[in-house]
Amino acid sequence: MLVPIIDDAHLMPADCLRKLRLLCEDFLRSHNLVLIGQPPLLQSLSLSINEEIRSRVTYSALLQRLAPETVEQFVLDQLDRAGLGPNTFTPEALALIVRSGEGLLRRTRNLCLSSLIEAVRDQTRIVDLKQVNRVLLQPHWRKDCDNPL
């Protein structure tokens, strides 16, 4: 059984999805294609031009954002797996990361990594609010940078 998995499928042009559909028709019925994407993927598939693709969707799910306690436990578990102590982030810094991550693991992970890089730049072993705030000031973390003046 062949099961290709495509992450960030919402970034694929619709014509690529149509070509994938044609390609999958050549395989036996026991083969599947897994597309993982953001809600714009479902919006794209709802267009009438993509009816042939949408009619082949067997299963779809929307994942809810994680609860703050779950995100915090995820960060602490990842620190443990990396051999770092739970005190690598001050409680205030960890709370800010959890809040700013908005329940999304990738965003939370990127905030943690960026904050750790800032701590290395500051030559300190503990990440505090100063490092996290410095990361959050970067343009790609700010929501107002998406809005033109």
N, C-alpha and C. Protein backbone atom coordinates (compact mmCIF):
# COMPACT_ATOMS: atom_id res chain seq x y z
N MET A 1 0.85 -1.18 0.00
CA MET A 1 0.00 0.00 0.00
C MET A 1 0.89 1.23 0.00
N LEU A 2 0.60 2.15 -0.85
CA LEU A 2 1.34 3.40 -0.97
C LEU A 2 0.47 4.53 -0.43
N VAL A 3 1.00 5.29 0.56
CA VAL A 3 0.27 6.40 1.14
C VAL A 3 1.18 7.62 1.22
N PRO A 4 1.26 8.41 0.14
CA PRO A 4 2.03 9.65 0.22
C PRO A 4 1.32 10.65 1.14
N ILE A 5 2.10 11.39 1.92
CA ILE A 5 1.56 12.40 2.82
C ILE A 5 2.15 13.74 2.41
N ILE A 6 1.28 14.70 2.15
CA ILE A 6 1.72 16.03 1.74
C ILE A 6 1.32 17.02 2.83
N ASP A 7 2.31 17.60 3.49
CA ASP A 7 2.07 18.60 4.52
C ASP A 7 1.99 19.97 3.84
N ASP A 8 1.27 20.89 4.45
CA ASP A 8 1.07 22.24 3.91
C ASP A 8 0.45 22.19 2.52
N ALA A 9 -0.49 21.27 2.33
CA ALA A 9 -1.13 21.10 1.03
C ALA A 9 -1.91 22.34 0.61
N HIS A 10 -2.28 23.19 1.57
CA HIS A 10 -3.00 24.42 1.23
C HIS A 10 -2.14 25.38 0.40
N LEU A 11 -0.82 25.16 0.40
CA LEU A 11 0.08 26.01 -0.38
C LEU A 11 0.23 25.54 -1.83
N MET A 12 -0.30 24.36 -2.13
CA MET A 12 -0.18 23.81 -3.49
C MET A 12 -1.17 24.49 -4.43
N PRO A 13 -0.75 24.81 -5.64
CA PRO A 13 -1.70 25.34 -6.62
C PRO A 13 -2.75 24.28 -6.96
N ALA A 14 -3.95 24.73 -7.29
CA ALA A 14 -5.05 23.81 -7.57
C ALA A 14 -4.73 22.88 -8.73
N ASP A 15 -3.98 23.36 -9.73
CA ASP A 15 -3.67 22.49 -10.86
C ASP A 15 -2.78 21.32 -10.44
N CYS A 16 -1.94 21.52 -9.42
CA CYS A 16 -1.13 20.40 -8.89
C CYS A 16 -2.02 19.36 -8.23
N LEU A 17 -3.05 19.81 -7.52
CA LEU A 17 -3.99 18.87 -6.91
C LEU A 17 -4.70 18.06 -7.98
N ARG A 18 -5.08 18.72 -9.08
CA ARG A 18 -5.75 18.00 -10.17
C ARG A 18 -4.81 16.97 -10.79
N LYS A 19 -3.53 17.31 -10.94
CA LYS A 19 -2.55 16.36 -11.50
C LYS A 19 -2.35 15.18 -10.55
N LEU A 20 -2.34 15.46 -9.25
CA LEU A 20 -2.24 14.37 -8.27
C LEU A 20 -3.43 13.43 -8.37
N ARG A 21 -4.61 14.01 -8.57
CA ARG A 21 -5.82 13.18 -8.72
C ARG A 21 -5.67 12.26 -9.93
N LEU A 22 -5.19 12.80 -11.03
CA LEU A 22 -5.00 11.97 -12.23
C LEU A 22 -3.95 10.89 -11.99
N LEU A 23 -2.90 11.25 -11.29
CA LEU A 23 -1.86 10.28 -10.99
C LEU A 23 -2.39 9.15 -10.11
N CYS A 24 -3.19 9.50 -9.12
CA CYS A 24 -3.73 8.49 -8.20
C CYS A 24 -4.72 7.56 -8.89
N GLU A 25 -5.34 8.00 -9.96
CA GLU A 25 -6.26 7.13 -10.68
C GLU A 25 -5.55 5.95 -11.32
N ASP A 26 -4.25 6.10 -11.59
CA ASP A 26 -3.47 5.02 -12.19
C ASP A 26 -3.12 3.93 -11.19
N PHE A 27 -3.23 4.24 -9.87
CA PHE A 27 -2.89 3.27 -8.84
C PHE A 27 -4.10 2.42 -8.50
N LEU A 28 -3.83 1.32 -7.85
CA LEU A 28 -4.91 0.47 -7.36
C LEU A 28 -5.73 1.23 -6.33
N ARG A 29 -6.92 0.79 -6.08
CA ARG A 29 -7.82 1.47 -5.13
C ARG A 29 -7.32 1.39 -3.69
N SER A 30 -6.39 0.52 -3.41
CA SER A 30 -5.90 0.40 -2.03
C SER A 30 -4.89 1.49 -1.68
N HIS A 31 -4.56 2.34 -2.62
CA HIS A 31 -3.61 3.42 -2.36
C HIS A 31 -4.37 4.69 -1.99
N ASN A 32 -3.76 5.46 -1.12
CA ASN A 32 -4.39 6.68 -0.64
C ASN A 32 -3.42 7.83 -0.71
N LEU A 33 -3.96 9.03 -0.66
CA LEU A 33 -3.17 10.26 -0.60
C LEU A 33 -3.67 11.04 0.60
N VAL A 34 -2.75 11.45 1.47
CA VAL A 34 -3.11 12.20 2.66
C VAL A 34 -2.62 13.64 2.47
N LEU A 35 -3.56 14.57 2.53
CA LEU A 35 -3.23 15.99 2.43
C LEU A 35 -3.44 16.62 3.80
N ILE A 36 -2.42 17.30 4.29
CA ILE A 36 -2.52 18.00 5.57
C ILE A 36 -2.38 19.47 5.26
N GLY A 37 -3.37 20.26 5.65
CA GLY A 37 -3.32 21.68 5.32
C GLY A 37 -4.19 22.51 6.23
N GLN A 38 -4.12 23.78 6.03
CA GLN A 38 -4.90 24.76 6.78
C GLN A 38 -6.29 24.86 6.15
N PRO A 39 -7.23 25.54 6.81
CA PRO A 39 -8.59 25.67 6.28
C PRO A 39 -8.69 26.18 4.83
N PRO A 40 -7.75 26.99 4.32
CA PRO A 40 -7.87 27.38 2.91
C PRO A 40 -7.87 26.19 1.94
N LEU A 41 -7.33 25.05 2.36
CA LEU A 41 -7.38 23.86 1.50
C LEU A 41 -8.83 23.42 1.29
N LEU A 42 -9.61 23.40 2.37
CA LEU A 42 -11.02 23.03 2.25
C LEU A 42 -11.78 24.06 1.41
N GLN A 43 -11.43 25.32 1.55
CA GLN A 43 -12.07 26.37 0.76
C GLN A 43 -11.76 26.17 -0.72
N SER A 44 -10.51 25.84 -1.03
CA SER A 44 -10.12 25.60 -2.41
C SER A 44 -10.85 24.40 -2.99
N LEU A 45 -10.97 23.35 -2.19
CA LEU A 45 -11.65 22.15 -2.67
C LEU A 45 -13.15 22.36 -2.84
N SER A 46 -13.71 23.36 -2.18
CA SER A 46 -15.15 23.59 -2.30
C SER A 46 -15.52 24.29 -3.60
N LEU A 47 -14.53 24.79 -4.36
CA LEU A 47 -14.82 25.42 -5.64
C LEU A 47 -15.32 24.38 -6.63
N SER A 48 -16.24 24.76 -7.48
CA SER A 48 -16.84 23.80 -8.41
C SER A 48 -15.81 23.19 -9.36
N ILE A 49 -14.76 23.93 -9.68
CA ILE A 49 -13.73 23.39 -10.57
C ILE A 49 -12.98 22.21 -9.93
N ASN A 50 -13.02 22.14 -8.61
CA ASN A 50 -12.32 21.07 -7.89
C ASN A 50 -13.27 19.97 -7.41
N GLU A 51 -14.47 19.91 -7.99
CA GLU A 51 -15.45 18.90 -7.58
C GLU A 51 -14.91 17.49 -7.70
N GLU A 52 -14.12 17.20 -8.75
CA GLU A 52 -13.57 15.86 -8.94
C GLU A 52 -12.64 15.46 -7.80
N ILE A 53 -11.93 16.43 -7.26
CA ILE A 53 -11.04 16.15 -6.13
C ILE A 53 -11.87 15.99 -4.86
N ARG A 54 -12.79 16.94 -4.63
CA ARG A 54 -13.59 16.91 -3.41
C ARG A 54 -14.42 15.63 -3.32
N SER A 55 -14.89 15.13 -4.44
CA SER A 55 -15.72 13.92 -4.41
C SER A 55 -14.91 12.70 -3.97
N ARG A 56 -13.60 12.79 -3.98
CA ARG A 56 -12.76 11.67 -3.58
C ARG A 56 -12.28 11.78 -2.13
N VAL A 57 -12.65 12.84 -1.46
CA VAL A 57 -12.25 13.00 -0.07
C VAL A 57 -13.00 11.99 0.78
N THR A 58 -12.25 11.17 1.48
CA THR A 58 -12.84 10.14 2.32
C THR A 58 -13.04 10.64 3.75
N TYR A 59 -12.12 11.43 4.23
CA TYR A 59 -12.16 11.84 5.63
C TYR A 59 -11.49 13.20 5.75
N SER A 60 -12.06 14.08 6.56
CA SER A 60 -11.41 15.36 6.86
C SER A 60 -11.70 15.72 8.31
N ALA A 61 -10.82 16.50 8.88
CA ALA A 61 -10.99 16.91 10.28
C ALA A 61 -10.37 18.29 10.47
N LEU A 62 -10.97 19.04 11.35
CA LEU A 62 -10.40 20.32 11.76
C LEU A 62 -9.86 20.14 13.17
N LEU A 63 -8.59 20.42 13.35
CA LEU A 63 -7.97 20.28 14.66
C LEU A 63 -8.12 21.60 15.43
N GLN A 64 -8.59 21.48 16.64
CA GLN A 64 -8.75 22.66 17.48
C GLN A 64 -7.40 23.05 18.07
N ARG A 65 -7.26 24.29 18.43
CA ARG A 65 -6.04 24.74 19.09
C ARG A 65 -5.94 24.06 20.45
N LEU A 66 -4.72 23.87 20.89
CA LEU A 66 -4.49 23.17 22.15
C LEU A 66 -4.72 24.10 23.34
N ALA A 67 -5.10 23.52 24.44
CA ALA A 67 -5.30 24.27 25.69
C ALA A 67 -3.93 24.72 26.21
N PRO A 68 -3.88 25.85 26.89
CA PRO A 68 -2.60 26.35 27.41
C PRO A 68 -1.85 25.33 28.27
N GLU A 69 -2.58 24.56 29.08
CA GLU A 69 -1.92 23.57 29.94
C GLU A 69 -1.26 22.48 29.09
N THR A 70 -1.89 22.11 28.00
CA THR A 70 -1.34 21.09 27.11
C THR A 70 -0.09 21.60 26.41
N VAL A 71 -0.13 22.86 25.99
CA VAL A 71 1.03 23.46 25.31
C VAL A 71 2.19 23.57 26.29
N GLU A 72 1.92 23.99 27.51
CA GLU A 72 2.98 24.10 28.51
C GLU A 72 3.60 22.73 28.79
N GLN A 73 2.76 21.71 28.91
CA GLN A 73 3.28 20.36 29.15
C GLN A 73 4.11 19.89 27.96
N PHE A 74 3.68 20.23 26.75
CA PHE A 74 4.45 19.89 25.54
C PHE A 74 5.85 20.51 25.60
N VAL A 75 5.93 21.79 25.96
CA VAL A 75 7.24 22.48 26.04
C VAL A 75 8.11 21.81 27.08
N LEU A 76 7.54 21.52 28.25
CA LEU A 76 8.33 20.90 29.32
C LEU A 76 8.79 19.50 28.91
N ASP A 77 7.93 18.75 28.22
CA ASP A 77 8.32 17.41 27.75
C ASP A 77 9.46 17.50 26.73
N GLN A 78 9.38 18.48 25.84
CA GLN A 78 10.43 18.65 24.83
C GLN A 78 11.75 19.07 25.47
N LEU A 79 11.68 19.91 26.48
CA LEU A 79 12.91 20.29 27.21
C LEU A 79 13.53 19.06 27.86
N ASP A 80 12.68 18.22 28.45
CA ASP A 80 13.17 17.00 29.09
C ASP A 80 13.82 16.07 28.07
N ARG A 81 13.19 15.93 26.89
CA ARG A 81 13.75 15.07 25.84
C ARG A 81 15.09 15.60 25.34
N ALA A 82 15.26 16.92 25.38
CA ALA A 82 16.51 17.53 24.93
C ALA A 82 17.57 17.54 26.03
N GLY A 83 17.22 17.06 27.21
CA GLY A 83 18.18 17.03 28.31
C GLY A 83 18.30 18.37 29.02
N LEU A 84 17.33 19.24 28.84
CA LEU A 84 17.32 20.54 29.53
C LEU A 84 16.33 20.47 30.68
N GLY A 85 16.61 21.22 31.71
CA GLY A 85 15.73 21.20 32.88
C GLY A 85 14.48 22.03 32.66
N PRO A 86 13.48 21.80 33.52
CA PRO A 86 12.23 22.58 33.40
C PRO A 86 12.42 24.05 33.75
N ASN A 87 13.56 24.38 34.36
CA ASN A 87 13.83 25.78 34.71
C ASN A 87 14.59 26.51 33.60
N THR A 88 14.66 25.93 32.41
CA THR A 88 15.32 26.58 31.28
C THR A 88 14.60 27.88 30.94
N PHE A 89 13.27 27.88 31.07
CA PHE A 89 12.47 29.08 30.88
C PHE A 89 11.94 29.51 32.24
N THR A 90 12.01 30.78 32.55
CA THR A 90 11.38 31.26 33.78
C THR A 90 9.87 31.05 33.63
N PRO A 91 9.15 30.95 34.75
CA PRO A 91 7.69 30.76 34.66
C PRO A 91 7.00 31.86 33.85
N GLU A 92 7.49 33.10 34.00
CA GLU A 92 6.90 34.21 33.26
C GLU A 92 7.16 34.08 31.76
N ALA A 93 8.39 33.68 31.40
CA ALA A 93 8.74 33.52 29.99
C ALA A 93 7.93 32.39 29.37
N LEU A 94 7.79 31.29 30.10
CA LEU A 94 7.02 30.16 29.60
C LEU A 94 5.55 30.55 29.42
N ALA A 95 5.01 31.31 30.36
CA ALA A 95 3.62 31.75 30.25
C ALA A 95 3.43 32.65 29.03
N LEU A 96 4.38 33.53 28.75
CA LEU A 96 4.29 34.40 27.58
C LEU A 96 4.38 33.59 26.28
N ILE A 97 5.25 32.61 26.27
CA ILE A 97 5.37 31.74 25.08
C ILE A 97 4.08 30.98 24.85
N VAL A 98 3.50 30.44 25.90
CA VAL A 98 2.25 29.68 25.78
C VAL A 98 1.14 30.59 25.26
N ARG A 99 1.04 31.80 25.81
CA ARG A 99 0.02 32.75 25.37
C ARG A 99 0.23 33.16 23.91
N SER A 100 1.47 33.46 23.56
CA SER A 100 1.79 33.94 22.21
C SER A 100 1.71 32.83 21.17
N GLY A 101 1.88 31.59 21.60
CA GLY A 101 1.79 30.46 20.67
C GLY A 101 0.37 30.19 20.22
N GLU A 102 -0.60 30.73 20.93
CA GLU A 102 -2.02 30.66 20.56
C GLU A 102 -2.52 29.24 20.32
N GLY A 103 -1.96 28.27 21.04
CA GLY A 103 -2.44 26.90 20.94
C GLY A 103 -1.92 26.13 19.74
N LEU A 104 -0.96 26.71 19.02
CA LEU A 104 -0.39 26.07 17.83
C LEU A 104 1.02 25.57 18.16
N LEU A 105 1.25 24.27 17.98
CA LEU A 105 2.54 23.68 18.36
C LEU A 105 3.70 24.24 17.54
N ARG A 106 3.52 24.41 16.25
CA ARG A 106 4.62 24.91 15.42
C ARG A 106 5.02 26.31 15.84
N ARG A 107 4.02 27.15 16.09
CA ARG A 107 4.30 28.53 16.53
C ARG A 107 5.00 28.52 17.89
N THR A 108 4.52 27.68 18.80
CA THR A 108 5.13 27.58 20.13
C THR A 108 6.56 27.08 20.03
N ARG A 109 6.77 26.07 19.21
CA ARG A 109 8.12 25.52 19.03
C ARG A 109 9.07 26.58 18.49
N ASN A 110 8.61 27.33 17.49
CA ASN A 110 9.45 28.37 16.90
C ASN A 110 9.76 29.47 17.91
N LEU A 111 8.79 29.82 18.74
CA LEU A 111 9.04 30.82 19.79
C LEU A 111 10.07 30.32 20.79
N CYS A 112 9.97 29.05 21.17
CA CYS A 112 10.93 28.48 22.11
C CYS A 112 12.34 28.48 21.51
N LEU A 113 12.46 28.01 20.29
CA LEU A 113 13.78 27.96 19.64
C LEU A 113 14.38 29.35 19.49
N SER A 114 13.57 30.30 19.06
CA SER A 114 14.07 31.66 18.90
C SER A 114 14.49 32.26 20.23
N SER A 115 13.72 31.98 21.28
CA SER A 115 14.06 32.48 22.61
C SER A 115 15.35 31.85 23.12
N LEU A 116 15.54 30.57 22.83
CA LEU A 116 16.80 29.91 23.22
C LEU A 116 17.98 30.51 22.48
N ILE A 117 17.79 30.86 21.21
CA ILE A 117 18.86 31.51 20.44
C ILE A 117 19.19 32.86 21.05
N GLU A 118 18.16 33.60 21.44
CA GLU A 118 18.39 34.90 22.09
C GLU A 118 19.15 34.72 23.41
N ALA A 119 18.85 33.66 24.15
CA ALA A 119 19.56 33.40 25.40
C ALA A 119 21.03 33.11 25.13
N VAL A 120 21.30 32.35 24.07
CA VAL A 120 22.69 32.08 23.70
C VAL A 120 23.39 33.39 23.34
N ARG A 121 22.70 34.25 22.60
CA ARG A 121 23.30 35.55 22.23
C ARG A 121 23.59 36.39 23.47
N ASP A 122 22.71 36.26 24.49
CA ASP A 122 22.93 36.99 25.75
C ASP A 122 23.88 36.26 26.69
N GLN A 123 24.34 35.10 26.30
CA GLN A 123 25.24 34.27 27.10
C GLN A 123 24.67 33.96 28.48
N THR A 124 23.40 33.52 28.46
CA THR A 124 22.73 33.13 29.69
C THR A 124 22.11 31.75 29.51
N ARG A 125 21.93 31.05 30.62
CA ARG A 125 21.38 29.70 30.55
C ARG A 125 19.88 29.66 30.79
N ILE A 126 19.32 30.76 31.24
CA ILE A 126 17.89 30.81 31.57
C ILE A 126 17.22 31.82 30.64
N VAL A 127 16.14 31.39 30.01
CA VAL A 127 15.37 32.28 29.14
C VAL A 127 14.35 33.02 30.00
N ASP A 128 14.40 34.34 29.94
CA ASP A 128 13.42 35.12 30.69
C ASP A 128 12.62 36.00 29.73
N LEU A 129 11.83 36.90 30.30
CA LEU A 129 10.96 37.75 29.49
C LEU A 129 11.73 38.59 28.47
N LYS A 130 12.95 38.98 28.83
CA LYS A 130 13.74 39.82 27.92
C LYS A 130 13.96 39.13 26.58
N GLN A 131 14.34 37.88 26.62
CA GLN A 131 14.61 37.14 25.38
C GLN A 131 13.32 36.88 24.59
N VAL A 132 12.26 36.49 25.29
CA VAL A 132 11.00 36.20 24.60
C VAL A 132 10.44 37.47 23.96
N ASN A 133 10.49 38.58 24.70
CA ASN A 133 9.99 39.84 24.14
C ASN A 133 10.81 40.29 22.93
N ARG A 134 12.11 40.05 22.97
CA ARG A 134 12.96 40.41 21.83
C ARG A 134 12.54 39.62 20.58
N VAL A 135 12.20 38.36 20.79
CA VAL A 135 11.73 37.52 19.67
C VAL A 135 10.38 38.05 19.17
N LEU A 136 9.48 38.37 20.09
CA LEU A 136 8.14 38.80 19.70
C LEU A 136 8.13 40.17 19.01
N LEU A 137 9.21 40.92 19.16
CA LEU A 137 9.31 42.22 18.48
C LEU A 137 9.71 42.07 17.01
N GLN A 138 10.19 40.89 16.63
CA GLN A 138 10.57 40.68 15.24
C GLN A 138 9.32 40.79 14.36
N PRO A 139 9.46 41.36 13.17
CA PRO A 139 8.28 41.65 12.34
C PRO A 139 7.38 40.46 12.05
N HIS A 140 7.93 39.29 11.83
CA HIS A 140 7.06 38.16 11.46
C HIS A 140 6.20 37.65 12.61
N TRP A 141 6.47 38.08 13.83
CA TRP A 141 5.64 37.67 14.97
C TRP A 141 4.52 38.66 15.23
N ARG A 142 4.64 39.86 14.68
CA ARG A 142 3.68 40.92 14.96
C ARG A 142 2.54 40.86 13.97
N LYS A 143 1.32 40.91 14.47
CA LYS A 143 0.14 40.86 13.60
C LYS A 143 -0.04 42.18 12.85
N ASP A 144 0.42 43.28 13.42
CA ASP A 144 0.21 44.57 12.76
C ASP A 144 1.08 44.74 11.52
N CYS A 145 2.11 43.90 11.34
CA CYS A 145 2.94 44.03 10.15
C CYS A 145 2.22 43.51 8.91
N ASP A 146 1.11 42.76 9.11
CA ASP A 146 0.34 42.25 7.97
C ASP A 146 -0.61 43.31 7.41
N ASN A 147 -0.89 44.31 8.21
CA ASN A 147 -1.84 45.34 7.79
C ASN A 147 -1.10 46.53 7.22
N PRO A 148 -1.41 46.91 5.96
CA PRO A 148 -0.74 48.07 5.40
C PRO A 148 -1.18 49.34 6.13
N LEU A 149 -0.31 50.32 6.13
CA LEU A 149 -0.64 51.58 6.81
C LEU A 149 -1.64 52.39 6.02
